[in-house]
Amino acid sequence: MNEDKIKEILEKFKNEEIDFNIAIKALHKMPYEDLGFAKIDYHREYRKGFPEVIFCEGKTKEQVKKIALNMYENGSQVLGTRASKEQFEEVKKVVKEAEYFDIARIISINKKPLIQTQGIIGVVAAGTSDMPVAEEAAITAELMGNSVKKFYDVGVAGLHRLLYKLDEINECRVLIVVAGMEGALPTVLGGLVRAPIIAVPTSIGYGANFHGLSAMLTMLNSCANGVSVVNIDNGFGAAYSASLINKIGE
């Protein structure tokens, strides 16, 4: 629902002399837009501060295109995660402004210039192989209006690389720490920084890594304080939580 429609509804509430807070609560519960195969929640932005996000994996090219176009035409910022190049090319046919971030696999149509936060979200990745997940987190955080700094290939196998960047890392308000293999990096950083850490295990590793399970269990059993853990390869979820934390301080 676009902004003009919201104003129209609020005006009706005012004319009927209903309390403004009741009007806001009613708006929060108003219906979604039903496309048949998808129901777009246009009020999520008013409840959460950011529009609904399209999870593209498992959807057809046509479904992604129709959802993105509908959101675009209703004035919503569009963010599609786990998107293929083929899905992006289908969206690009109907929305020329669409962008694709190849490594992160993200489709973006950014209609609203967002104010960048003063607080910085740091994205720290153990190895180059973890970059797809790290980039998903970094691009998502940027599209949500955050200032982001990246620190890549600073894993514990060469600890001096991490320590060299420690002063810069300590300038960040929130840290997203991405690691595969044994997943030790969040624990190491957790003992060195004040910022809250959102740890992201990746599915990168040899057989005993169990597609990220060993890294996730390491992070869940971390002896460092201030470390929270999201699901395997969930860079988007980490970025969303980091954005909520970061904007509390603005």
C-alpha atoms as a PDB file:
ATOM      1  CA  MET A   1       0.000   0.000   0.000  1.00  0.00           C
ATOM      2  CA  ASN A   2       1.441   3.370  -1.002  1.00  0.00           C
ATOM      3  CA  GLU A   3       1.802   6.440   1.184  1.00  0.00           C
ATOM      4  CA  ASP A   4      -1.195   8.278  -0.326  1.00  0.00           C
ATOM      5  CA  LYS A   5      -3.464   5.365   0.551  1.00  0.00           C
ATOM      6  CA  ILE A   6      -2.170   5.355   4.120  1.00  0.00           C
ATOM      7  CA  LYS A   7      -2.912   9.096   4.439  1.00  0.00           C
ATOM      8  CA  GLU A   8      -6.384   8.541   3.046  1.00  0.00           C
ATOM      9  CA  ILE A   9      -7.143   5.883   5.643  1.00  0.00           C
ATOM     10  CA  LEU A  10      -5.750   7.995   8.466  1.00  0.00           C
ATOM     11  CA  GLU A  11      -7.923  10.919   7.357  1.00  0.00           C
ATOM     12  CA  LYS A  12     -11.007   8.711   7.528  1.00  0.00           C
ATOM     13  CA  PHE A  13     -10.083   7.670  11.034  1.00  0.00           C
ATOM     14  CA  LYS A  14      -9.629  11.317  12.000  1.00  0.00           C
ATOM     15  CA  ASN A  15     -12.999  12.303  10.544  1.00  0.00           C
ATOM     16  CA  GLU A  16     -14.671   9.601  12.584  1.00  0.00           C
ATOM     17  CA  GLU A  17     -12.825  10.881  15.643  1.00  0.00           C
ATOM     18  CA  ILE A  18     -11.177   7.564  16.417  1.00  0.00           C
ATOM     19  CA  ASP A  19      -8.045   7.708  18.553  1.00  0.00           C
ATOM     20  CA  PHE A  20      -4.849   7.985  16.473  1.00  0.00           C
ATOM     21  CA  ASN A  21      -3.170   5.073  18.264  1.00  0.00           C
ATOM     22  CA  ILE A  22      -6.141   2.850  17.429  1.00  0.00           C
ATOM     23  CA  ALA A  23      -5.827   3.946  13.796  1.00  0.00           C
ATOM     24  CA  ILE A  24      -2.162   2.973  13.742  1.00  0.00           C
ATOM     25  CA  LYS A  25      -2.922  -0.432  15.271  1.00  0.00           C
ATOM     26  CA  ALA A  26      -5.621  -0.973  12.661  1.00  0.00           C
ATOM     27  CA  LEU A  27      -3.199  -0.109   9.868  1.00  0.00           C
ATOM     28  CA  HIS A  28      -0.738  -2.648  11.229  1.00  0.00           C
ATOM     29  CA  LYS A  29      -3.360  -5.378  10.876  1.00  0.00           C
ATOM     30  CA  MET A  30      -4.679  -4.422   7.443  1.00  0.00           C
ATOM     31  CA  PRO A  31      -4.740  -7.005   4.641  1.00  0.00           C
ATOM     32  CA  TYR A  32      -1.897  -7.994   2.400  1.00  0.00           C
ATOM     33  CA  GLU A  33      -2.073  -7.959  -1.387  1.00  0.00           C
ATOM     34  CA  ASP A  34      -2.941 -11.394  -2.731  1.00  0.00           C
ATOM     35  CA  LEU A  35      -1.300 -12.351  -6.033  1.00  0.00           C
ATOM     36  CA  GLY A  36      -2.687 -15.865  -5.873  1.00  0.00           C
ATOM     37  CA  PHE A  37       0.681 -17.576  -5.444  1.00  0.00           C
ATOM     38  CA  ALA A  38       2.018 -14.967  -2.985  1.00  0.00           C
ATOM     39  CA  LYS A  39       0.632 -12.563  -0.417  1.00  0.00           C
ATOM     40  CA  ILE A  40       2.646  -9.335  -0.152  1.00  0.00           C
ATOM     41  CA  ASP A  41       2.662  -7.761   3.301  1.00  0.00           C
ATOM     42  CA  TYR A  42       2.924  -4.041   2.544  1.00  0.00           C
ATOM     43  CA  HIS A  43       2.535  -3.087   6.186  1.00  0.00           C
ATOM     44  CA  ARG A  44       5.691  -4.836   7.267  1.00  0.00           C
ATOM     45  CA  GLU A  45       7.633  -1.638   6.651  1.00  0.00           C
ATOM     46  CA  TYR A  46       5.386   0.219   9.125  1.00  0.00           C
ATOM     47  CA  ARG A  47       5.722  -2.533  11.730  1.00  0.00           C
ATOM     48  CA  LYS A  48       9.397  -3.403  11.255  1.00  0.00           C
ATOM     49  CA  GLY A  49      10.977  -0.384   9.546  1.00  0.00           C
ATOM     50  CA  PHE A  50      11.863  -2.296   6.360  1.00  0.00           C
ATOM     51  CA  PRO A  51       9.666  -3.826   3.623  1.00  0.00           C
ATOM     52  CA  GLU A  52       9.052  -7.526   3.133  1.00  0.00           C
ATOM     53  CA  VAL A  53      11.993  -9.279   1.477  1.00  0.00           C
ATOM     54  CA  ILE A  54      11.651 -11.758  -1.409  1.00  0.00           C
ATOM     55  CA  PHE A  55      13.317 -15.118  -0.779  1.00  0.00           C
ATOM     56  CA  CYS A  56      13.889 -16.101  -4.410  1.00  0.00           C
ATOM     57  CA  GLU A  57      15.209 -19.623  -3.989  1.00  0.00           C
ATOM     58  CA  GLY A  58      12.546 -22.138  -5.005  1.00  0.00           C
ATOM     59  CA  LYS A  59      10.438 -19.545  -6.830  1.00  0.00           C
ATOM     60  CA  THR A  60      10.080 -19.450 -10.599  1.00  0.00           C
ATOM     61  CA  LYS A  61      11.436 -16.570 -12.674  1.00  0.00           C
ATOM     62  CA  GLU A  62       7.885 -15.457 -13.404  1.00  0.00           C
ATOM     63  CA  GLN A  63       6.897 -15.478  -9.718  1.00  0.00           C
ATOM     64  CA  VAL A  64       9.905 -13.386  -8.704  1.00  0.00           C
ATOM     65  CA  LYS A  65       9.202 -10.944 -11.531  1.00  0.00           C
ATOM     66  CA  LYS A  66       5.541 -10.481 -10.588  1.00  0.00           C
ATOM     67  CA  ILE A  67       6.298  -9.971  -6.888  1.00  0.00           C
ATOM     68  CA  ALA A  68       9.126  -7.506  -7.589  1.00  0.00           C
ATOM     69  CA  LEU A  69       7.056  -5.565 -10.134  1.00  0.00           C
ATOM     70  CA  ASN A  70       4.087  -5.321  -7.779  1.00  0.00           C
ATOM     71  CA  MET A  71       6.286  -4.038  -4.960  1.00  0.00           C
ATOM     72  CA  TYR A  72       8.022  -1.588  -7.294  1.00  0.00           C
ATOM     73  CA  GLU A  73       4.719  -0.202  -8.598  1.00  0.00           C
ATOM     74  CA  ASN A  74       3.497   0.258  -5.019  1.00  0.00           C
ATOM     75  CA  GLY A  75       6.523   2.373  -4.151  1.00  0.00           C
ATOM     76  CA  SER A  76       8.276  -0.258  -2.053  1.00  0.00           C
ATOM     77  CA  GLN A  77      11.975  -0.886  -1.900  1.00  0.00           C
ATOM     78  CA  VAL A  78      12.703  -4.340  -3.352  1.00  0.00           C
ATOM     79  CA  LEU A  79      15.260  -6.742  -1.932  1.00  0.00           C
ATOM     80  CA  GLY A  80      15.425 -10.302  -3.248  1.00  0.00           C
ATOM     81  CA  THR A  81      17.811 -12.790  -1.643  1.00  0.00           C
ATOM     82  CA  ARG A  82      19.212 -16.096  -2.977  1.00  0.00           C
ATOM     83  CA  ALA A  83      18.359 -14.906  -6.484  1.00  0.00           C
ATOM     84  CA  SER A  84      19.715 -16.487  -9.647  1.00  0.00           C
ATOM     85  CA  LYS A  85      20.997 -14.492 -12.606  1.00  0.00           C
ATOM     86  CA  GLU A  86      18.070 -15.841 -14.638  1.00  0.00           C
ATOM     87  CA  GLN A  87      15.561 -14.503 -12.076  1.00  0.00           C
ATOM     88  CA  PHE A  88      17.262 -11.125 -12.139  1.00  0.00           C
ATOM     89  CA  GLU A  89      17.183 -10.952 -15.941  1.00  0.00           C
ATOM     90  CA  GLU A  90      13.432 -11.618 -15.838  1.00  0.00           C
ATOM     91  CA  VAL A  91      12.936  -8.773 -13.325  1.00  0.00           C
ATOM     92  CA  LYS A  92      15.162  -6.487 -15.407  1.00  0.00           C
ATOM     93  CA  LYS A  93      12.761  -6.888 -18.352  1.00  0.00           C
ATOM     94  CA  VAL A  94      10.029  -5.020 -16.461  1.00  0.00           C
ATOM     95  CA  VAL A  95      12.070  -2.801 -14.100  1.00  0.00           C
ATOM     96  CA  LYS A  96      15.117  -1.246 -15.733  1.00  0.00           C
ATOM     97  CA  GLU A  97      16.384   0.125 -12.404  1.00  0.00           C
ATOM     98  CA  ALA A  98      16.905  -3.376 -10.995  1.00  0.00           C
ATOM     99  CA  GLU A  99      20.458  -4.251  -9.898  1.00  0.00           C
ATOM    100  CA  TYR A 100      22.102  -7.604  -9.311  1.00  0.00           C
ATOM    101  CA  PHE A 101      24.883  -8.373  -6.846  1.00  0.00           C
ATOM    102  CA  ASP A 102      26.453 -11.479  -8.275  1.00  0.00           C
ATOM    103  CA  ILE A 103      28.485 -12.825  -5.334  1.00  0.00           C
ATOM    104  CA  ALA A 104      25.729 -12.060  -2.810  1.00  0.00           C
ATOM    105  CA  ARG A 105      22.979 -13.320  -5.189  1.00  0.00           C
ATOM    106  CA  ILE A 106      20.819 -10.302  -4.372  1.00  0.00           C
ATOM    107  CA  ILE A 107      18.320  -8.381  -6.530  1.00  0.00           C
ATOM    108  CA  SER A 108      17.765  -4.770  -5.493  1.00  0.00           C
ATOM    109  CA  ILE A 109      15.418  -2.030  -6.637  1.00  0.00           C
ATOM    110  CA  ASN A 110      16.187   0.872  -4.331  1.00  0.00           C
ATOM    111  CA  LYS A 111      13.530   3.528  -4.902  1.00  0.00           C
ATOM    112  CA  LYS A 112      14.074   5.276  -1.590  1.00  0.00           C
ATOM    113  CA  PRO A 113      17.441   6.857  -0.777  1.00  0.00           C
ATOM    114  CA  LEU A 114      18.170   5.676   2.755  1.00  0.00           C
ATOM    115  CA  ILE A 115      19.980   7.767   5.356  1.00  0.00           C
ATOM    116  CA  GLN A 116      23.242   6.032   6.233  1.00  0.00           C
ATOM    117  CA  THR A 117      23.755   5.300   9.919  1.00  0.00           C
ATOM    118  CA  GLN A 118      26.634   6.809  11.855  1.00  0.00           C
ATOM    119  CA  GLY A 119      27.147   3.490  13.595  1.00  0.00           C
ATOM    120  CA  ILE A 120      29.089   0.973  11.517  1.00  0.00           C
ATOM    121  CA  ILE A 121      28.283  -2.684  10.963  1.00  0.00           C
ATOM    122  CA  GLY A 122      31.488  -4.650  10.486  1.00  0.00           C
ATOM    123  CA  VAL A 123      31.378  -7.807   8.365  1.00  0.00           C
ATOM    124  CA  VAL A 124      34.304 -10.070   9.234  1.00  0.00           C
ATOM    125  CA  ALA A 125      34.899 -13.178   7.100  1.00  0.00           C
ATOM    126  CA  ALA A 126      37.369 -15.936   7.899  1.00  0.00           C
ATOM    127  CA  GLY A 127      38.248 -16.892   4.320  1.00  0.00           C
ATOM    128  CA  THR A 128      37.658 -15.966   0.700  1.00  0.00           C
ATOM    129  CA  SER A 129      35.455 -19.057   0.369  1.00  0.00           C
ATOM    130  CA  ASP A 130      33.072 -17.490   2.918  1.00  0.00           C
ATOM    131  CA  MET A 131      32.574 -14.389   0.769  1.00  0.00           C
ATOM    132  CA  PRO A 132      29.173 -15.313  -0.746  1.00  0.00           C
ATOM    133  CA  VAL A 133      27.617 -15.421   2.738  1.00  0.00           C
ATOM    134  CA  ALA A 134      29.602 -12.387   3.908  1.00  0.00           C
ATOM    135  CA  GLU A 135      28.531 -10.411   0.831  1.00  0.00           C
ATOM    136  CA  GLU A 136      24.897 -11.352   1.374  1.00  0.00           C
ATOM    137  CA  ALA A 137      25.219  -9.892   4.868  1.00  0.00           C
ATOM    138  CA  ALA A 138      27.129  -6.776   3.755  1.00  0.00           C
ATOM    139  CA  ILE A 139      24.858  -5.896   0.818  1.00  0.00           C
ATOM    140  CA  THR A 140      21.708  -6.525   2.872  1.00  0.00           C
ATOM    141  CA  ALA A 141      22.994  -4.265   5.658  1.00  0.00           C
ATOM    142  CA  GLU A 142      23.875  -1.524   3.158  1.00  0.00           C
ATOM    143  CA  LEU A 143      20.461  -1.725   1.460  1.00  0.00           C
ATOM    144  CA  MET A 144      18.861  -1.367   4.897  1.00  0.00           C
ATOM    145  CA  GLY A 145      20.627   1.983   5.296  1.00  0.00           C
ATOM    146  CA  ASN A 146      23.657   1.011   7.354  1.00  0.00           C
ATOM    147  CA  SER A 147      27.268   2.060   6.995  1.00  0.00           C
ATOM    148  CA  VAL A 148      29.273  -1.123   6.466  1.00  0.00           C
ATOM    149  CA  LYS A 149      32.973  -2.014   6.653  1.00  0.00           C
ATOM    150  CA  LYS A 150      34.305  -5.327   5.349  1.00  0.00           C
ATOM    151  CA  PHE A 151      37.202  -7.341   6.757  1.00  0.00           C
ATOM    152  CA  TYR A 152      37.746 -10.420   4.632  1.00  0.00           C
ATOM    153  CA  ASP A 153      40.201 -13.323   4.800  1.00  0.00           C
ATOM    154  CA  VAL A 154      41.197 -12.720   8.426  1.00  0.00           C
ATOM    155  CA  GLY A 155      40.603 -16.214   9.820  1.00  0.00           C
ATOM    156  CA  VAL A 156      42.362 -17.852  12.734  1.00  0.00           C
ATOM    157  CA  ALA A 157      44.744 -19.818  10.481  1.00  0.00           C
ATOM    158  CA  GLY A 158      46.687 -16.548  10.185  1.00  0.00           C
ATOM    159  CA  LEU A 159      45.778 -14.683  13.365  1.00  0.00           C
ATOM    160  CA  HIS A 160      48.167 -11.797  12.647  1.00  0.00           C
ATOM    161  CA  ARG A 161      45.883 -10.738   9.754  1.00  0.00           C
ATOM    162  CA  LEU A 162      42.999 -10.298  12.193  1.00  0.00           C
ATOM    163  CA  LEU A 163      45.071  -8.470  14.809  1.00  0.00           C
ATOM    164  CA  TYR A 164      46.351  -6.068  12.155  1.00  0.00           C
ATOM    165  CA  LYS A 165      42.750  -4.941  11.561  1.00  0.00           C
ATOM    166  CA  LEU A 166      41.663  -4.966  15.205  1.00  0.00           C
ATOM    167  CA  ASP A 167      41.664  -1.181  15.717  1.00  0.00           C
ATOM    168  CA  GLU A 168      39.345  -0.710  12.727  1.00  0.00           C
ATOM    169  CA  ILE A 169      37.130  -3.591  13.814  1.00  0.00           C
ATOM    170  CA  ASN A 170      36.774  -1.998  17.256  1.00  0.00           C
ATOM    171  CA  GLU A 171      35.259   1.101  15.634  1.00  0.00           C
ATOM    172  CA  CYS A 172      32.180  -0.915  14.625  1.00  0.00           C
ATOM    173  CA  ARG A 173      28.958  -0.854  16.629  1.00  0.00           C
ATOM    174  CA  VAL A 174      27.905  -4.382  15.621  1.00  0.00           C
ATOM    175  CA  LEU A 175      29.905  -7.230  14.090  1.00  0.00           C
ATOM    176  CA  ILE A 176      28.769  -9.976  11.754  1.00  0.00           C
ATOM    177  CA  VAL A 177      31.413 -12.710  11.862  1.00  0.00           C
ATOM    178  CA  VAL A 178      31.298 -15.325   9.109  1.00  0.00           C
ATOM    179  CA  ALA A 179      33.294 -18.568   9.236  1.00  0.00           C
ATOM    180  CA  GLY A 180      33.232 -22.134   7.972  1.00  0.00           C
ATOM    181  CA  MET A 181      35.568 -25.054   8.765  1.00  0.00           C
ATOM    182  CA  GLU A 182      35.634 -25.282  12.597  1.00  0.00           C
ATOM    183  CA  GLY A 183      34.038 -21.829  13.038  1.00  0.00           C
ATOM    184  CA  ALA A 184      36.473 -20.485  15.654  1.00  0.00           C
ATOM    185  CA  LEU A 185      36.651 -16.859  14.492  1.00  0.00           C
ATOM    186  CA  PRO A 186      33.620 -15.470  16.440  1.00  0.00           C
ATOM    187  CA  THR A 187      35.003 -16.850  19.724  1.00  0.00           C
ATOM    188  CA  VAL A 188      38.435 -15.315  19.099  1.00  0.00           C
ATOM    189  CA  LEU A 189      36.892 -11.917  18.300  1.00  0.00           C
ATOM    190  CA  GLY A 190      34.445 -12.230  21.190  1.00  0.00           C
ATOM    191  CA  GLY A 191      37.325 -11.993  23.642  1.00  0.00           C
ATOM    192  CA  LEU A 192      38.809  -8.914  21.964  1.00  0.00           C
ATOM    193  CA  VAL A 193      35.936  -6.521  21.158  1.00  0.00           C
ATOM    194  CA  ARG A 194      33.102  -4.741  22.958  1.00  0.00           C
ATOM    195  CA  ALA A 195      30.600  -4.867  20.105  1.00  0.00           C
ATOM    196  CA  PRO A 196      27.907  -7.543  20.032  1.00  0.00           C
ATOM    197  CA  ILE A 197      28.756 -10.335  17.596  1.00  0.00           C
ATOM    198  CA  ILE A 198      26.329 -12.123  15.318  1.00  0.00           C
ATOM    199  CA  ALA A 199      28.068 -15.301  14.209  1.00  0.00           C
ATOM    200  CA  VAL A 200      27.260 -16.908  10.870  1.00  0.00           C
ATOM    201  CA  PRO A 201      28.423 -20.485  10.279  1.00  0.00           C
ATOM    202  CA  THR A 202      28.964 -21.350   6.622  1.00  0.00           C
ATOM    203  CA  SER A 203      28.745 -24.688   4.853  1.00  0.00           C
ATOM    204  CA  ILE A 204      32.380 -24.334   3.711  1.00  0.00           C
ATOM    205  CA  GLY A 205      34.660 -27.126   4.903  1.00  0.00           C
ATOM    206  CA  TYR A 206      35.811 -30.708   4.457  1.00  0.00           C
ATOM    207  CA  GLY A 207      33.704 -33.776   5.270  1.00  0.00           C
ATOM    208  CA  ALA A 208      33.694 -33.523   9.058  1.00  0.00           C
ATOM    209  CA  ASN A 209      32.390 -29.976   8.714  1.00  0.00           C
ATOM    210  CA  PHE A 210      29.032 -31.632   7.929  1.00  0.00           C
ATOM    211  CA  HIS A 211      27.962 -28.777   5.610  1.00  0.00           C
ATOM    212  CA  GLY A 212      28.343 -26.181   8.348  1.00  0.00           C
ATOM    213  CA  LEU A 213      27.051 -28.141  11.328  1.00  0.00           C
ATOM    214  CA  SER A 214      30.452 -28.328  13.047  1.00  0.00           C
ATOM    215  CA  ALA A 215      30.957 -24.563  12.652  1.00  0.00           C
ATOM    216  CA  MET A 216      27.474 -23.866  14.022  1.00  0.00           C
ATOM    217  CA  LEU A 217      28.019 -26.110  17.058  1.00  0.00           C
ATOM    218  CA  THR A 218      31.373 -24.435  17.755  1.00  0.00           C
ATOM    219  CA  MET A 219      29.716 -21.020  17.678  1.00  0.00           C
ATOM    220  CA  LEU A 220      26.789 -22.140  19.846  1.00  0.00           C
ATOM    221  CA  ASN A 221      29.278 -23.513  22.400  1.00  0.00           C
ATOM    222  CA  SER A 222      31.450 -20.389  22.334  1.00  0.00           C
ATOM    223  CA  CYS A 223      33.100 -19.521  25.651  1.00  0.00           C
ATOM    224  CA  ALA A 224      33.147 -15.827  24.674  1.00  0.00           C
ATOM    225  CA  ASN A 225      30.354 -13.538  25.878  1.00  0.00           C
ATOM    226  CA  GLY A 226      28.228 -11.441  23.538  1.00  0.00           C
ATOM    227  CA  VAL A 227      28.142 -13.975  20.685  1.00  0.00           C
ATOM    228  CA  SER A 228      24.776 -14.829  19.111  1.00  0.00           C
ATOM    229  CA  VAL A 229      24.397 -17.348  16.295  1.00  0.00           C
ATOM    230  CA  VAL A 230      22.146 -17.509  13.229  1.00  0.00           C
ATOM    231  CA  ASN A 231      21.538 -20.464  10.948  1.00  0.00           C
ATOM    232  CA  ILE A 232      24.062 -21.910   8.507  1.00  0.00           C
ATOM    233  CA  ASP A 233      24.780 -19.578   5.544  1.00  0.00           C
ATOM    234  CA  ASN A 234      22.177 -17.069   6.788  1.00  0.00           C
ATOM    235  CA  GLY A 235      23.966 -13.833   5.959  1.00  0.00           C
ATOM    236  CA  PHE A 236      20.634 -12.087   5.404  1.00  0.00           C
ATOM    237  CA  GLY A 237      19.310 -12.956   8.866  1.00  0.00           C
ATOM    238  CA  ALA A 238      22.517 -11.755  10.485  1.00  0.00           C
ATOM    239  CA  ALA A 239      22.346  -8.457   8.614  1.00  0.00           C
ATOM    240  CA  TYR A 240      18.718  -7.871   9.555  1.00  0.00           C
ATOM    241  CA  SER A 241      19.442  -8.401  13.261  1.00  0.00           C
ATOM    242  CA  ALA A 242      22.606  -6.292  13.072  1.00  0.00           C
ATOM    243  CA  SER A 243      20.625  -3.479  11.445  1.00  0.00           C
ATOM    244  CA  LEU A 244      18.037  -3.498  14.230  1.00  0.00           C
ATOM    245  CA  ILE A 245      20.811  -3.342  16.844  1.00  0.00           C
ATOM    246  CA  ASN A 246      22.714  -0.626  14.979  1.00  0.00           C
ATOM    247  CA  LYS A 247      19.703   1.634  14.578  1.00  0.00           C
ATOM    248  CA  ILE A 248      18.882   1.510  18.281  1.00  0.00           C
ATOM    249  CA  GLY A 249      21.967   3.662  18.777  1.00  0.00           C
ATOM    250  CA  GLU A 250      21.023   6.266  16.151  1.00  0.00           C
END
